[in-house]
Amino acid sequence: MGRADEQDQICRSSRHKDALYPAELSGRRTICAGCRERLEEDLLELPALYELCAHMLDLRRHHLGERVGGHRPRGIALNEAVVTVRTDILGVLASWCGLVSVDRAVPGPDELGIRQLTTFLTIHLGWLSEHPSAPDLVDEVMEIATSAQELLRPRAGGPLTLGQCARPGCEEVVRAEGYVDGEPPYRLSCAAGHAWAPDEWLLLWGGSNRHKRSPEGAE
């Protein structure tokens, strides 16, 4: 086997740039099993990250807005970062959806919404895993997911209070804790030990807000 053939059997995603050993490919895939799994995880998580960027901005405004007179530029910078990250997420996903639509001659998503875009790419994930540009897809999706996670990590101060726990019968307060290595960018939990995965955060947000607006025991 020549050197070029050997290179064709190695995953070219930047995830492996510091690895001691190259990640080998299987079958017709152009990315390794680990990269395919990471890609799928990022696609599933991106809708929650996309929405949380805006929600967490609202939270910080609520906690800091009226009490940090003289710090308006920081709020503007944060707002610009949120807009940039959300725009980048939609732009990257739409670009790859366009590639799939053209190369496979299939209709693309019916609208450029975050869930429509990620769902479309997930449906075609098997085909994408064998595309010559799949390593670039892994890198780009990983980059936009990481950018959103970085934006959500608190830089200073204590945890943010989100409201009363949405678990039935629980009256503890839910807080978004600071980043811990190996954990999501925000760890949402209450003192009773109830915690929420990233794909449940938006449900918690809506549930806790409804709970605060409604009389006790009301739906």
C-alpha atoms as a PDB file:
ATOM      1  CA  MET A   1       0.000   0.000   0.000  1.00  0.00           C
ATOM      2  CA  GLY A   2       1.420   3.392  -1.001  1.00  0.00           C
ATOM      3  CA  ARG A   3       1.679   6.429   1.259  1.00  0.00           C
ATOM      4  CA  ALA A   4      -1.283   8.113  -0.441  1.00  0.00           C
ATOM      5  CA  ASP A   5      -3.429   5.021   0.163  1.00  0.00           C
ATOM      6  CA  GLU A   6      -2.403   4.997   3.819  1.00  0.00           C
ATOM      7  CA  GLN A   7      -3.412   8.653   4.185  1.00  0.00           C
ATOM      8  CA  ASP A   8      -6.815   7.820   2.681  1.00  0.00           C
ATOM      9  CA  GLN A   9      -7.419   5.391   5.553  1.00  0.00           C
ATOM     10  CA  ILE A  10      -6.857   8.020   8.250  1.00  0.00           C
ATOM     11  CA  CYS A  11      -9.446  10.454   9.597  1.00  0.00           C
ATOM     12  CA  ARG A  12      -8.416  14.001   8.679  1.00  0.00           C
ATOM     13  CA  SER A  13     -10.523  15.852  11.239  1.00  0.00           C
ATOM     14  CA  SER A  14      -8.609  18.348  13.367  1.00  0.00           C
ATOM     15  CA  ARG A  15      -9.859  16.447  16.429  1.00  0.00           C
ATOM     16  CA  HIS A  16      -6.857  14.180  15.926  1.00  0.00           C
ATOM     17  CA  LYS A  17      -4.169  16.809  15.431  1.00  0.00           C
ATOM     18  CA  ASP A  18      -2.601  16.127  18.858  1.00  0.00           C
ATOM     19  CA  ALA A  19      -3.317  12.401  18.952  1.00  0.00           C
ATOM     20  CA  LEU A  20      -0.416   9.983  19.352  1.00  0.00           C
ATOM     21  CA  TYR A  21      -1.931   7.557  16.870  1.00  0.00           C
ATOM     22  CA  PRO A  22      -4.043   8.282  13.760  1.00  0.00           C
ATOM     23  CA  ALA A  23      -7.739   7.402  13.782  1.00  0.00           C
ATOM     24  CA  GLU A  24      -8.445   4.775  11.151  1.00  0.00           C
ATOM     25  CA  LEU A  25     -11.472   4.678   8.905  1.00  0.00           C
ATOM     26  CA  SER A  26     -13.865   1.813   8.317  1.00  0.00           C
ATOM     27  CA  GLY A  27     -15.880   0.928   5.249  1.00  0.00           C
ATOM     28  CA  ARG A  28     -16.516   3.867   2.926  1.00  0.00           C
ATOM     29  CA  ARG A  29     -16.504   6.489   5.657  1.00  0.00           C
ATOM     30  CA  THR A  30     -14.174   9.458   5.416  1.00  0.00           C
ATOM     31  CA  ILE A  31     -14.388  10.155   9.154  1.00  0.00           C
ATOM     32  CA  CYS A  32     -13.730   7.788  12.028  1.00  0.00           C
ATOM     33  CA  ALA A  33     -16.397   6.391  14.338  1.00  0.00           C
ATOM     34  CA  GLY A  34     -15.440   8.853  17.082  1.00  0.00           C
ATOM     35  CA  CYS A  35     -15.845  11.863  14.801  1.00  0.00           C
ATOM     36  CA  ARG A  36     -19.175  10.616  13.505  1.00  0.00           C
ATOM     37  CA  GLU A  37     -20.408  10.246  17.074  1.00  0.00           C
ATOM     38  CA  ARG A  38     -19.121  13.713  18.006  1.00  0.00           C
ATOM     39  CA  LEU A  39     -20.798  15.201  14.933  1.00  0.00           C
ATOM     40  CA  GLU A  40     -24.132  13.629  15.793  1.00  0.00           C
ATOM     41  CA  GLU A  41     -23.873  14.807  19.419  1.00  0.00           C
ATOM     42  CA  ASP A  42     -23.086  18.366  18.348  1.00  0.00           C
ATOM     43  CA  LEU A  43     -25.989  18.430  15.879  1.00  0.00           C
ATOM     44  CA  LEU A  44     -28.376  17.235  18.591  1.00  0.00           C
ATOM     45  CA  GLU A  45     -27.085  19.820  21.074  1.00  0.00           C
ATOM     46  CA  LEU A  46     -26.921  22.841  18.765  1.00  0.00           C
ATOM     47  CA  PRO A  47     -30.644  23.778  18.914  1.00  0.00           C
ATOM     48  CA  ALA A  48     -30.487  24.092  22.716  1.00  0.00           C
ATOM     49  CA  LEU A  49     -27.193  25.995  22.588  1.00  0.00           C
ATOM     50  CA  TYR A  50     -28.566  28.307  19.897  1.00  0.00           C
ATOM     51  CA  GLU A  51     -31.616  29.231  21.968  1.00  0.00           C
ATOM     52  CA  LEU A  52     -29.737  29.379  25.274  1.00  0.00           C
ATOM     53  CA  CYS A  53     -27.352  31.982  23.885  1.00  0.00           C
ATOM     54  CA  ALA A  54     -30.315  34.351  23.669  1.00  0.00           C
ATOM     55  CA  HIS A  55     -31.930  33.182  26.914  1.00  0.00           C
ATOM     56  CA  MET A  56     -28.750  33.501  28.948  1.00  0.00           C
ATOM     57  CA  LEU A  57     -28.251  36.994  27.548  1.00  0.00           C
ATOM     58  CA  ASP A  58     -31.709  37.894  28.841  1.00  0.00           C
ATOM     59  CA  LEU A  59     -30.822  36.392  32.216  1.00  0.00           C
ATOM     60  CA  ARG A  60     -27.657  38.447  32.518  1.00  0.00           C
ATOM     61  CA  ARG A  61     -29.530  41.590  31.546  1.00  0.00           C
ATOM     62  CA  HIS A  62     -32.086  40.810  34.235  1.00  0.00           C
ATOM     63  CA  HIS A  63     -29.443  40.246  36.908  1.00  0.00           C
ATOM     64  CA  LEU A  64     -27.016  42.969  35.849  1.00  0.00           C
ATOM     65  CA  GLY A  65     -28.813  45.435  33.607  1.00  0.00           C
ATOM     66  CA  GLU A  66     -30.204  47.989  36.043  1.00  0.00           C
ATOM     67  CA  ARG A  67     -27.390  47.542  38.576  1.00  0.00           C
ATOM     68  CA  VAL A  68     -24.310  48.091  36.476  1.00  0.00           C
ATOM     69  CA  GLY A  69     -24.629  51.707  35.455  1.00  0.00           C
ATOM     70  CA  GLY A  70     -21.652  52.875  33.472  1.00  0.00           C
ATOM     71  CA  HIS A  71     -20.974  49.400  32.006  1.00  0.00           C
ATOM     72  CA  ARG A  72     -23.127  49.649  28.902  1.00  0.00           C
ATOM     73  CA  PRO A  73     -20.268  48.784  26.485  1.00  0.00           C
ATOM     74  CA  ARG A  74     -19.918  45.348  28.109  1.00  0.00           C
ATOM     75  CA  GLY A  75     -23.584  44.664  27.457  1.00  0.00           C
ATOM     76  CA  ILE A  76     -23.208  45.725  23.837  1.00  0.00           C
ATOM     77  CA  ALA A  77     -20.155  43.479  23.401  1.00  0.00           C
ATOM     78  CA  LEU A  78     -22.014  40.518  24.854  1.00  0.00           C
ATOM     79  CA  ASN A  79     -24.991  41.173  22.595  1.00  0.00           C
ATOM     80  CA  GLU A  80     -22.720  41.313  19.541  1.00  0.00           C
ATOM     81  CA  ALA A  81     -21.120  38.013  20.537  1.00  0.00           C
ATOM     82  CA  VAL A  82     -24.539  36.363  20.843  1.00  0.00           C
ATOM     83  CA  VAL A  83     -25.626  37.645  17.427  1.00  0.00           C
ATOM     84  CA  THR A  84     -22.352  36.516  15.851  1.00  0.00           C
ATOM     85  CA  VAL A  85     -22.485  33.014  17.306  1.00  0.00           C
ATOM     86  CA  ARG A  86     -26.129  32.493  16.347  1.00  0.00           C
ATOM     87  CA  THR A  87     -25.483  33.817  12.834  1.00  0.00           C
ATOM     88  CA  ASP A  88     -22.455  31.543  12.444  1.00  0.00           C
ATOM     89  CA  ILE A  89     -24.454  28.514  13.578  1.00  0.00           C
ATOM     90  CA  LEU A  90     -27.206  29.105  11.031  1.00  0.00           C
ATOM     91  CA  GLY A  91     -24.707  29.965   8.291  1.00  0.00           C
ATOM     92  CA  VAL A  92     -22.615  26.821   8.716  1.00  0.00           C
ATOM     93  CA  LEU A  93     -25.622  24.524   8.945  1.00  0.00           C
ATOM     94  CA  ALA A  94     -27.374  26.133   5.962  1.00  0.00           C
ATOM     95  CA  SER A  95     -24.217  25.794   3.859  1.00  0.00           C
ATOM     96  CA  TRP A  96     -23.948  22.058   4.531  1.00  0.00           C
ATOM     97  CA  CYS A  97     -27.661  21.559   3.962  1.00  0.00           C
ATOM     98  CA  GLY A  98     -27.177  23.223   0.590  1.00  0.00           C
ATOM     99  CA  LEU A  99     -24.375  20.803  -0.273  1.00  0.00           C
ATOM    100  CA  VAL A 100     -26.548  17.808   0.594  1.00  0.00           C
ATOM    101  CA  SER A 101     -29.502  19.189  -1.345  1.00  0.00           C
ATOM    102  CA  VAL A 102     -27.433  19.809  -4.498  1.00  0.00           C
ATOM    103  CA  ASP A 103     -25.295  16.653  -4.419  1.00  0.00           C
ATOM    104  CA  ARG A 104     -28.177  14.336  -3.591  1.00  0.00           C
ATOM    105  CA  ALA A 105     -30.775  16.198  -5.657  1.00  0.00           C
ATOM    106  CA  VAL A 106     -33.199  16.325  -2.734  1.00  0.00           C
ATOM    107  CA  PRO A 107     -35.268  19.223  -1.375  1.00  0.00           C
ATOM    108  CA  GLY A 108     -33.578  21.099   1.444  1.00  0.00           C
ATOM    109  CA  PRO A 109     -35.247  22.167   4.711  1.00  0.00           C
ATOM    110  CA  ASP A 110     -38.509  24.007   4.206  1.00  0.00           C
ATOM    111  CA  GLU A 111     -37.253  26.888   6.360  1.00  0.00           C
ATOM    112  CA  LEU A 112     -33.922  28.057   7.758  1.00  0.00           C
ATOM    113  CA  GLY A 113     -34.742  27.327  11.395  1.00  0.00           C
ATOM    114  CA  ILE A 114     -32.206  25.763  13.734  1.00  0.00           C
ATOM    115  CA  ARG A 115     -34.187  22.553  14.253  1.00  0.00           C
ATOM    116  CA  GLN A 116     -35.018  22.139  10.572  1.00  0.00           C
ATOM    117  CA  LEU A 117     -31.347  22.506   9.621  1.00  0.00           C
ATOM    118  CA  THR A 118     -29.978  20.127  12.251  1.00  0.00           C
ATOM    119  CA  THR A 119     -32.715  17.569  11.589  1.00  0.00           C
ATOM    120  CA  PHE A 120     -31.981  17.625   7.861  1.00  0.00           C
ATOM    121  CA  LEU A 121     -28.247  17.044   8.421  1.00  0.00           C
ATOM    122  CA  THR A 122     -28.917  14.297  10.952  1.00  0.00           C
ATOM    123  CA  ILE A 123     -31.174  12.487   8.473  1.00  0.00           C
ATOM    124  CA  HIS A 124     -28.354  12.552   5.897  1.00  0.00           C
ATOM    125  CA  LEU A 125     -25.593  11.808   8.405  1.00  0.00           C
ATOM    126  CA  GLY A 126     -24.802   8.398   6.915  1.00  0.00           C
ATOM    127  CA  TRP A 127     -24.251   9.883   3.455  1.00  0.00           C
ATOM    128  CA  LEU A 128     -22.279  12.792   4.880  1.00  0.00           C
ATOM    129  CA  SER A 129     -19.992  10.395   6.761  1.00  0.00           C
ATOM    130  CA  GLU A 130     -18.817   9.070   3.386  1.00  0.00           C
ATOM    131  CA  HIS A 131     -18.453  12.457   1.706  1.00  0.00           C
ATOM    132  CA  PRO A 132     -14.881  13.633   0.955  1.00  0.00           C
ATOM    133  CA  SER A 133     -15.555  16.862   2.894  1.00  0.00           C
ATOM    134  CA  ALA A 134     -16.869  15.109   6.014  1.00  0.00           C
ATOM    135  CA  PRO A 135     -13.746  15.995   8.090  1.00  0.00           C
ATOM    136  CA  ASP A 136     -14.443  19.681   7.360  1.00  0.00           C
ATOM    137  CA  LEU A 137     -18.053  19.217   8.456  1.00  0.00           C
ATOM    138  CA  VAL A 138     -16.912  17.703  11.766  1.00  0.00           C
ATOM    139  CA  ASP A 139     -14.500  20.585  12.348  1.00  0.00           C
ATOM    140  CA  GLU A 140     -16.949  23.347  11.462  1.00  0.00           C
ATOM    141  CA  VAL A 141     -19.839  21.974  13.507  1.00  0.00           C
ATOM    142  CA  MET A 142     -17.511  21.342  16.450  1.00  0.00           C
ATOM    143  CA  GLU A 143     -16.217  24.912  16.171  1.00  0.00           C
ATOM    144  CA  ILE A 144     -19.653  26.561  16.242  1.00  0.00           C
ATOM    145  CA  ALA A 145     -20.798  24.319  19.098  1.00  0.00           C
ATOM    146  CA  THR A 146     -17.659  25.172  21.079  1.00  0.00           C
ATOM    147  CA  SER A 147     -18.155  28.892  20.395  1.00  0.00           C
ATOM    148  CA  ALA A 148     -21.682  28.724  21.797  1.00  0.00           C
ATOM    149  CA  GLN A 149     -20.490  26.779  24.844  1.00  0.00           C
ATOM    150  CA  GLU A 150     -17.735  29.312  25.490  1.00  0.00           C
ATOM    151  CA  LEU A 151     -20.245  32.147  25.315  1.00  0.00           C
ATOM    152  CA  LEU A 152     -22.461  30.420  27.862  1.00  0.00           C
ATOM    153  CA  ARG A 153     -19.687  29.890  30.394  1.00  0.00           C
ATOM    154  CA  PRO A 154     -19.896  32.465  33.187  1.00  0.00           C
ATOM    155  CA  ARG A 155     -16.735  34.556  33.420  1.00  0.00           C
ATOM    156  CA  ALA A 156     -17.179  35.783  36.954  1.00  0.00           C
ATOM    157  CA  GLY A 157     -19.596  35.958  39.835  1.00  0.00           C
ATOM    158  CA  GLY A 158     -21.795  33.341  41.436  1.00  0.00           C
ATOM    159  CA  PRO A 159     -24.436  31.044  39.941  1.00  0.00           C
ATOM    160  CA  LEU A 160     -27.508  32.433  38.221  1.00  0.00           C
ATOM    161  CA  THR A 161     -30.900  31.731  39.776  1.00  0.00           C
ATOM    162  CA  LEU A 162     -33.459  30.500  37.245  1.00  0.00           C
ATOM    163  CA  GLY A 163     -36.513  29.964  39.430  1.00  0.00           C
ATOM    164  CA  GLN A 164     -38.269  27.141  41.263  1.00  0.00           C
ATOM    165  CA  CYS A 165     -37.550  23.534  40.309  1.00  0.00           C
ATOM    166  CA  ALA A 166     -39.988  22.130  37.760  1.00  0.00           C
ATOM    167  CA  ARG A 167     -39.928  18.587  39.211  1.00  0.00           C
ATOM    168  CA  PRO A 168     -43.287  17.673  40.787  1.00  0.00           C
ATOM    169  CA  GLY A 169     -43.288  18.317  44.517  1.00  0.00           C
ATOM    170  CA  CYS A 170     -39.878  20.001  44.570  1.00  0.00           C
ATOM    171  CA  GLU A 171     -39.682  23.516  45.994  1.00  0.00           C
ATOM    172  CA  GLU A 172     -35.930  24.027  45.654  1.00  0.00           C
ATOM    173  CA  VAL A 173     -34.457  26.819  43.549  1.00  0.00           C
ATOM    174  CA  VAL A 174     -32.729  25.942  40.262  1.00  0.00           C
ATOM    175  CA  ARG A 175     -29.356  27.555  39.618  1.00  0.00           C
ATOM    176  CA  ALA A 176     -26.976  27.634  36.672  1.00  0.00           C
ATOM    177  CA  GLU A 177     -23.597  26.801  38.158  1.00  0.00           C
ATOM    178  CA  GLY A 178     -20.241  27.846  36.760  1.00  0.00           C
ATOM    179  CA  TYR A 179     -18.363  25.681  34.300  1.00  0.00           C
ATOM    180  CA  VAL A 180     -16.727  22.509  35.595  1.00  0.00           C
ATOM    181  CA  ASP A 181     -14.289  20.566  33.430  1.00  0.00           C
ATOM    182  CA  GLY A 182     -16.104  17.722  31.705  1.00  0.00           C
ATOM    183  CA  GLU A 183     -19.558  19.173  32.393  1.00  0.00           C
ATOM    184  CA  PRO A 184     -21.871  21.205  30.110  1.00  0.00           C
ATOM    185  CA  PRO A 185     -21.137  24.969  29.901  1.00  0.00           C
ATOM    186  CA  TYR A 186     -23.841  25.532  32.491  1.00  0.00           C
ATOM    187  CA  ARG A 187     -24.818  22.863  35.004  1.00  0.00           C
ATOM    188  CA  LEU A 188     -28.486  23.340  35.817  1.00  0.00           C
ATOM    189  CA  SER A 189     -29.499  21.742  39.087  1.00  0.00           C
ATOM    190  CA  CYS A 190     -31.316  22.330  42.357  1.00  0.00           C
ATOM    191  CA  ALA A 191     -30.340  21.590  45.963  1.00  0.00           C
ATOM    192  CA  ALA A 192     -32.446  18.409  45.883  1.00  0.00           C
ATOM    193  CA  GLY A 193     -30.166  16.953  43.217  1.00  0.00           C
ATOM    194  CA  HIS A 194     -32.409  17.359  40.184  1.00  0.00           C
ATOM    195  CA  ALA A 195     -30.337  18.161  37.087  1.00  0.00           C
ATOM    196  CA  TRP A 196     -31.065  18.771  33.420  1.00  0.00           C
ATOM    197  CA  ALA A 197     -29.207  17.779  30.269  1.00  0.00           C
ATOM    198  CA  PRO A 198     -28.669  20.436  27.561  1.00  0.00           C
ATOM    199  CA  ASP A 199     -31.609  19.231  25.455  1.00  0.00           C
ATOM    200  CA  GLU A 200     -33.918  19.710  28.484  1.00  0.00           C
ATOM    201  CA  TRP A 201     -32.831  23.253  29.368  1.00  0.00           C
ATOM    202  CA  LEU A 202     -35.412  24.980  27.194  1.00  0.00           C
ATOM    203  CA  LEU A 203     -38.194  22.843  28.682  1.00  0.00           C
ATOM    204  CA  LEU A 204     -37.002  23.834  32.146  1.00  0.00           C
ATOM    205  CA  TRP A 205     -36.894  27.483  31.153  1.00  0.00           C
ATOM    206  CA  GLY A 206     -40.451  27.418  29.855  1.00  0.00           C
ATOM    207  CA  GLY A 207     -41.721  25.327  32.751  1.00  0.00           C
ATOM    208  CA  SER A 208     -40.168  27.485  35.445  1.00  0.00           C
ATOM    209  CA  ASN A 209     -41.450  30.671  33.815  1.00  0.00           C
ATOM    210  CA  ARG A 210     -44.984  29.264  33.595  1.00  0.00           C
ATOM    211  CA  HIS A 211     -44.737  28.167  37.216  1.00  0.00           C
ATOM    212  CA  LYS A 212     -43.760  31.663  38.325  1.00  0.00           C
ATOM    213  CA  ARG A 213     -46.595  33.280  36.352  1.00  0.00           C
ATOM    214  CA  SER A 214     -49.319  30.865  37.466  1.00  0.00           C
ATOM    215  CA  PRO A 215     -51.053  30.638  40.878  1.00  0.00           C
ATOM    216  CA  GLU A 216     -49.968  27.705  43.009  1.00  0.00           C
ATOM    217  CA  GLY A 217     -51.415  24.474  41.675  1.00  0.00           C
ATOM    218  CA  ALA A 218     -52.627  26.048  38.433  1.00  0.00           C
ATOM    219  CA  GLU A 219     -51.686  24.670  35.012  1.00  0.00           C
END
